[in-house]
Protein backbone atom coordinates (compact mmCIF):
# COMPACT_ATOMS: atom_id res chain seq x y z
CA MET A 1 -6.87 7.24 22.44
CA ALA A 2 -9.23 4.85 24.26
CA SER A 3 -9.74 1.34 25.57
CA ALA A 4 -12.31 -1.12 24.23
CA ASN A 5 -13.24 -4.79 24.10
CA ILE A 6 -13.59 -6.87 20.96
CA ALA A 7 -16.67 -9.05 21.45
CA PHE A 8 -16.56 -12.23 19.37
CA GLY A 9 -19.21 -14.71 20.50
CA LEU A 10 -18.51 -15.28 24.18
CA VAL A 11 -14.89 -14.19 23.73
CA SER A 12 -13.89 -10.72 24.93
CA ILE A 13 -10.52 -9.28 23.90
CA PRO A 14 -9.43 -6.09 25.69
CA VAL A 15 -7.65 -3.69 23.32
CA LYS A 16 -6.28 -0.15 23.14
CA LEU A 17 -7.02 2.26 20.29
CA PHE A 18 -4.33 4.38 18.65
CA SER A 19 -4.76 6.87 15.83
CA ALA A 20 -3.24 5.50 12.62
CA SER A 21 -2.67 8.95 11.11
CA GLN A 22 -1.30 12.20 12.44
CA SER A 23 -2.39 15.72 11.66
CA SER A 24 0.56 17.40 13.37
CA GLU A 25 2.10 18.15 9.98
CA ALA A 26 -0.97 20.08 8.87
CA ILE A 27 -0.43 23.84 8.67
CA SER A 28 -3.24 26.03 9.94
CA PHE A 29 -3.63 29.79 9.72
CA ASN A 30 -5.14 32.36 12.05
CA LEU A 31 -7.24 35.23 10.76
CA LEU A 32 -5.65 38.62 11.50
CA HIS A 33 -6.74 42.22 11.16
CA LYS A 34 -5.13 43.56 7.98
CA GLU A 35 -4.60 47.03 9.50
CA CYS A 36 -2.79 46.12 12.74
CA GLY A 37 -2.06 42.39 12.45
CA SER A 38 -4.01 41.47 15.60
CA ARG A 39 -5.82 38.16 15.82
CA LEU A 40 -9.57 38.21 15.15
CA ARG A 41 -12.28 36.70 17.33
CA GLN A 42 -15.35 35.02 15.88
CA GLN A 43 -18.73 36.42 16.82
CA TYR A 44 -22.31 35.34 16.10
CA ILE A 45 -24.75 38.02 14.91
CA CYS A 46 -28.53 37.65 14.80
CA VAL A 47 -29.57 38.35 11.19
CA ARG A 48 -32.89 39.87 12.27
CA ASP A 49 -31.91 41.96 15.31
CA GLU A 50 -28.32 42.58 14.08
CA GLU A 51 -27.08 42.02 17.63
CA ARG A 52 -24.22 39.93 18.93
CA VAL A 53 -25.41 36.70 20.56
CA GLU A 54 -23.50 34.98 23.38
CA ARG A 55 -23.17 31.19 23.47
CA SER A 56 -25.38 30.98 26.55
CA GLU A 57 -28.24 32.40 24.45
CA MET A 58 -27.90 29.89 21.60
CA ILE A 59 -30.07 26.83 20.90
CA LYS A 60 -29.89 24.23 18.12
CA GLY A 61 -32.46 24.11 15.34
CA TYR A 62 -33.12 22.01 12.25
CA GLU A 63 -34.50 23.72 9.12
CA PHE A 64 -37.30 21.40 7.91
CA ALA A 65 -38.66 24.02 5.45
CA ARG A 66 -37.28 27.28 4.11
CA GLY A 67 -37.06 29.68 7.06
CA GLN A 68 -38.84 27.23 9.41
CA TYR A 69 -36.96 25.48 12.21
CA VAL A 70 -37.68 22.91 14.88
CA THR A 71 -35.55 23.45 18.00
CA LEU A 72 -33.87 20.73 20.05
CA SER A 73 -32.47 21.11 23.54
CA ASP A 74 -29.20 19.56 24.72
CA GLU A 75 -31.17 17.27 27.05
CA GLU A 76 -33.32 16.00 24.17
CA LEU A 77 -30.27 15.28 22.04
CA LYS A 78 -28.50 13.48 24.90
CA SER A 79 -31.55 11.29 25.50
CA ILE A 80 -31.15 9.63 22.08
CA GLU A 81 -27.36 9.25 22.17
CA GLU A 82 -25.90 5.76 22.01
CA ARG A 83 -24.68 4.44 25.33
CA SER A 84 -20.89 4.19 25.17
CA THR A 85 -20.14 0.57 26.01
CA GLN A 86 -16.58 0.69 24.63
CA GLU A 87 -17.39 -2.57 22.86
CA ILE A 88 -16.37 -3.52 19.34
CA ALA A 89 -19.14 -6.04 18.64
CA ILE A 90 -18.33 -8.31 15.68
CA THR A 91 -21.48 -9.08 13.69
CA GLU A 92 -20.09 -11.08 10.75
CA PHE A 93 -17.00 -12.07 8.79
CA VAL A 94 -16.77 -11.26 5.08
CA PRO A 95 -14.22 -11.95 2.29
CA THR A 96 -11.66 -9.14 2.13
CA GLU A 97 -12.36 -8.43 -1.55
CA SER A 98 -16.06 -7.83 -0.83
CA VAL A 99 -15.39 -4.55 1.01
CA ASP A 100 -15.01 -1.73 -1.51
CA PRO A 101 -12.32 0.79 -0.34
CA ILE A 102 -14.72 3.59 -1.27
CA TYR A 103 -16.38 2.89 2.11
CA PHE A 104 -13.11 3.47 4.03
CA ASP A 105 -12.98 6.38 6.44
CA LYS A 106 -10.61 6.79 9.40
CA ALA A 107 -8.24 4.04 10.52
CA TYR A 108 -7.14 3.12 14.04
CA TYR A 109 -4.48 0.71 15.26
CA LEU A 110 -5.56 -1.83 17.85
CA GLY A 111 -3.12 -3.09 20.45
CA PRO A 112 -3.82 -5.75 23.08
CA GLU A 113 -4.41 -4.76 26.67
CA ARG A 114 -2.79 -6.83 29.41
CA GLY A 115 -4.44 -10.23 29.42
CA GLY A 116 -5.75 -9.91 25.85
CA GLU A 117 -2.57 -10.87 23.95
CA ARG A 118 -3.60 -14.47 23.25
CA GLY A 119 -7.08 -13.68 21.94
CA TYR A 120 -5.68 -10.74 19.94
CA ARG A 121 -3.15 -12.98 18.16
CA LEU A 122 -5.74 -15.71 17.62
CA LEU A 123 -8.29 -13.40 15.99
CA GLY A 124 -5.69 -11.87 13.68
CA GLU A 125 -4.31 -15.23 12.59
CA ALA A 126 -7.81 -16.62 11.96
CA MET A 127 -8.58 -13.71 9.61
CA ARG A 128 -5.26 -14.12 7.78
CA LYS A 129 -5.77 -17.84 7.23
CA THR A 130 -9.34 -17.45 5.97
CA GLY A 131 -8.88 -14.23 3.96
CA ARG A 132 -11.71 -12.53 5.82
CA TRP A 133 -12.34 -9.29 7.68
CA ALA A 134 -14.59 -8.83 10.69
CA VAL A 135 -17.50 -6.38 10.38
CA ALA A 136 -18.40 -4.80 13.71
CA ARG A 137 -20.27 -1.99 15.45
CA TYR A 138 -18.38 0.37 17.73
CA VAL A 139 -19.98 2.96 20.00
CA ALA A 140 -17.97 5.97 21.19
CA ARG A 141 -18.77 9.58 22.13
CA GLY A 142 -22.49 8.86 21.90
CA LYS A 143 -22.34 7.66 18.28
CA GLN A 144 -22.42 4.24 16.67
CA TYR A 145 -19.78 3.52 14.02
CA LEU A 146 -19.62 0.81 11.39
CA VAL A 147 -16.10 -0.67 11.29
CA VAL A 148 -14.11 -3.59 9.94
CA LEU A 149 -11.23 -5.25 11.74
CA ARG A 150 -8.49 -6.28 9.35
CA PRO A 151 -5.15 -7.92 10.04
CA VAL A 152 -1.88 -6.25 9.04
CA GLU A 153 1.68 -7.51 9.31
CA LEU A 154 2.14 -6.77 13.02
CA GLY A 155 -1.39 -6.56 14.39
CA LEU A 156 -4.95 -5.38 13.78
CA VAL A 157 -6.44 -2.24 12.25
CA MET A 158 -9.95 -0.98 12.96
CA GLN A 159 -11.14 0.72 9.77
CA GLN A 160 -14.11 3.03 10.18
CA LEU A 161 -16.57 2.74 7.28
CA HIS A 162 -19.11 5.05 5.72
CA TYR A 163 -22.70 3.85 5.90
CA ALA A 164 -24.35 2.93 2.61
CA ASP A 165 -26.44 6.11 2.48
CA GLU A 166 -23.27 8.20 2.85
CA VAL A 167 -21.71 6.86 -0.37
CA ARG A 168 -23.01 8.15 -3.68
CA PRO A 169 -23.44 5.60 -6.49
CA ILE A 170 -21.20 5.99 -9.52
CA SER A 171 -24.35 5.82 -11.66
CA GLU A 172 -24.77 9.52 -10.86
CA VAL A 173 -21.65 10.22 -12.94
CA GLU A 174 -22.21 10.64 -16.66
CA ILE A 175 -19.67 8.35 -18.34
CA GLY A 176 -21.04 7.81 -21.83
CA ASP A 177 -20.85 4.77 -24.09
CA MET A 178 -17.50 4.97 -25.88
CA GLU A 179 -16.08 1.84 -27.52
CA VAL A 180 -12.56 0.79 -26.48
CA LYS A 181 -10.39 0.08 -29.54
CA GLU A 182 -8.15 -2.99 -29.38
CA ASN A 183 -4.98 -1.18 -30.54
CA GLU A 184 -5.46 1.59 -27.99
CA LEU A 185 -6.07 -0.95 -25.22
CA LYS A 186 -2.84 -2.80 -26.02
CA LEU A 187 -0.87 0.44 -26.01
CA ALA A 188 -2.44 1.47 -22.71
CA ILE A 189 -1.49 -1.89 -21.14
CA LEU A 190 2.05 -1.48 -22.50
CA LEU A 191 2.20 1.99 -20.98
CA ALA A 192 1.00 0.67 -17.60
CA ASP A 193 3.57 -2.15 -17.75
CA GLN A 194 6.39 0.41 -17.95
CA VAL A 195 5.47 1.93 -14.57
CA THR A 196 4.27 -1.21 -12.77
CA VAL A 197 6.04 -2.06 -9.51
CA PRO A 198 5.80 -5.14 -7.28
CA ALA A 199 4.12 -3.27 -4.40
CA PHE A 200 2.95 0.18 -3.35
CA ASP A 201 5.57 2.09 -1.32
CA PRO A 202 4.06 5.26 0.17
CA SER A 203 7.43 6.43 1.52
CA ILE A 204 8.57 7.54 -1.94
CA TYR A 205 5.76 10.11 -2.13
CA THR A 206 5.77 13.42 -0.30
CA ASN A 207 3.28 16.24 -0.03
CA GLU A 208 5.08 18.68 -2.34
CA GLY A 209 2.51 21.43 -1.81
CA GLN A 210 3.00 21.19 1.96
CA THR A 211 6.78 21.36 1.51
CA ARG A 212 6.53 24.49 -0.65
CA LEU A 213 4.22 26.10 1.90
CA LYS A 214 6.69 25.39 4.74
CA GLU A 215 9.54 26.86 2.70
CA LEU A 216 7.47 29.96 1.92
CA ILE A 217 6.61 30.46 5.60
CA GLN A 218 10.24 30.03 6.64
CA GLN A 219 11.36 32.57 4.03
CA LYS A 220 8.82 35.04 5.40
CA VAL A 221 10.00 34.36 8.97
CA ASN A 222 13.60 34.98 7.89
CA GLY A 223 12.59 38.24 6.22
CA GLN A 224 13.63 37.07 2.76
CA GLU A 225 12.21 38.59 -0.39
CA ILE A 226 9.63 36.37 -2.05
CA SER A 227 9.68 35.98 -5.83
CA LEU A 228 6.33 34.99 -7.24
CA SER A 229 6.48 32.66 -10.25
CA SER A 230 3.85 32.86 -12.96
CA PRO A 231 1.29 30.02 -13.01
CA GLU A 232 1.87 27.15 -15.39
CA GLU A 233 0.15 27.44 -18.74
CA PRO A 234 -2.75 24.98 -19.10
CA ARG A 235 -2.01 22.07 -21.38
CA GLY A 236 -3.95 21.65 -24.58
CA GLN A 237 -6.53 18.94 -24.95
CA VAL A 238 -5.26 15.64 -26.38
CA ILE A 239 -7.03 15.05 -29.68
CA ASP A 240 -5.29 11.93 -31.01
CA LEU A 241 -5.35 9.34 -28.19
CA MET A 242 -3.26 6.85 -30.17
CA GLU A 243 -0.46 9.36 -30.77
CA ALA A 244 -0.51 10.40 -27.10
CA LEU A 245 -0.15 6.76 -26.02
CA ARG A 246 2.75 6.17 -28.43
CA ALA A 247 4.55 9.31 -27.28
CA SER A 248 4.06 8.40 -23.61
CA LEU A 249 5.68 5.00 -24.08
CA GLY A 250 9.03 6.62 -24.80
CA GLN A 251 8.85 9.15 -21.97
CA LEU A 252 8.04 7.01 -18.93
CA PRO A 253 10.87 5.15 -17.15
CA LYS A 254 10.51 1.41 -16.64
CA ARG A 255 9.98 0.82 -12.92
CA GLY A 256 8.47 -2.61 -12.64
CA THR A 257 9.00 -6.13 -13.89
CA ALA A 258 6.54 -6.03 -16.76
CA SER A 259 6.21 -8.91 -19.15
CA SER A 260 8.82 -8.90 -21.92
CA LYS A 261 6.30 -10.16 -24.42
CA THR A 262 5.31 -7.40 -26.79
CA PRO A 263 1.68 -7.55 -27.91
CA ASP A 264 0.82 -7.16 -31.57
CA ILE A 265 -0.51 -3.62 -31.89
CA GLY A 266 -0.75 -3.37 -35.64
CA MET A 267 1.32 -1.51 -38.23
CA SER A 268 2.75 1.01 -35.78
CA GLY A 269 3.11 -1.44 -32.87
CA PRO A 270 6.83 -2.34 -33.01
CA LYS A 271 7.82 1.33 -33.03
CA ALA A 272 5.76 2.07 -29.94
CA ALA A 273 6.75 -1.13 -28.15
CA SER A 274 10.49 -0.50 -28.51
CA GLY A 275 10.39 1.99 -25.62
CA ARG A 276 11.89 4.78 -27.73
CA LYS A 277 10.35 8.09 -28.62
CA PRO A 278 8.92 8.26 -32.12
CA PRO A 279 11.39 9.95 -34.48
CA LYS A 280 10.92 13.69 -34.85
CA ARG A 281 10.81 15.35 -38.23
CA ALA A 282 14.01 17.22 -38.87
CA THR A 283 13.61 20.93 -39.33
CA SER A 284 15.99 22.57 -41.77
CA SER A 285 17.11 26.16 -41.62
CA ALA A 286 18.26 26.21 -45.26
CA PRO A 287 16.74 28.84 -47.57
CA LYS A 288 13.62 27.99 -49.53
CA GLU A 289 15.56 27.99 -52.83
CA GLN A 290 18.04 25.41 -51.51
CA LYS A 291 15.18 23.15 -50.41
CA GLN A 292 13.61 23.34 -53.85
CA GLU A 293 16.95 22.47 -55.49
CA GLU A 294 17.42 19.44 -53.23
CA LYS A 295 13.87 18.31 -53.91
CA SER A 296 14.44 18.38 -57.68
CA ARG A 297 17.61 16.25 -57.50
CA PRO A 298 17.13 12.58 -58.31
CA SER A 299 17.80 10.24 -55.38
CA ARG A 300 20.86 7.98 -55.24
CA ALA A 301 18.60 4.94 -55.50
CA ALA A 302 17.04 6.29 -58.70
CA LYS A 303 20.48 6.93 -60.26
CA THR A 304 21.59 3.43 -59.37
CA GLY A 305 18.46 2.01 -60.93
CA ARG A 306 19.04 3.77 -64.26
CA ALA A 307 22.72 2.74 -64.32
CA SER A 308 21.83 -0.91 -63.84
CA ARG A 309 19.41 -0.74 -66.72
């Protein structure tokens, strides 16, 4: 994508930037005229004059009050742009755990340019040994970006970050003050243990919605008839959290190497911890009269008790 230099003190490491993600798999649609199927062209209409406006007649404006704008020319905007130095200027090193992933934005791979291999390897190894990431400023396309450089198995990644004023605090979310019960917590941990794996493997996950969309498009291209399935019925709200946790324990497959020690979860703990579904109540199709007759019969244990007396 671009070339840059990592500036670390008086050390300069020439690097190349590569996009770490690809959007080639994304499916985009064109807007067509429903009557004839021709592609549509976007136009800008003045809301007051109701006339079409060409791009050469457009200027940029910022609405500082309702219906009131201050206009800015391209020359004025260019005058305040950051000068692109193609420099990744390291400002500080921080512990890796101190950077909350909520600040993560785009990621870029960094590869060494010719002559920068030694410094590239040295910087990466220093961060691995110390458990730190490098915070830096990077200027490109007239904008300044906040980034961190972090080592990965084979090299370095430049992770673009959101600025602090771009991240909303979680305090804006109404969470409430609900007490966590000890028995529920133990069941929840047991449930998590059943699906815990040694490490995250993204290759086992696929974009199922994207796959279905591709199949639908291909069917349309092939002229096949499309059968529309009815939407899934919404699930009911879980009322009894404890029962939901117990039922889930028997349904989820064990994927990880969870601890074999079973926590004490009270009277119903051993049943839930066994990994089996709770027994279902048998439903009988016998007539009501037959059920009443069976109910009135004394049990075998009761008969045995009277005989022994």
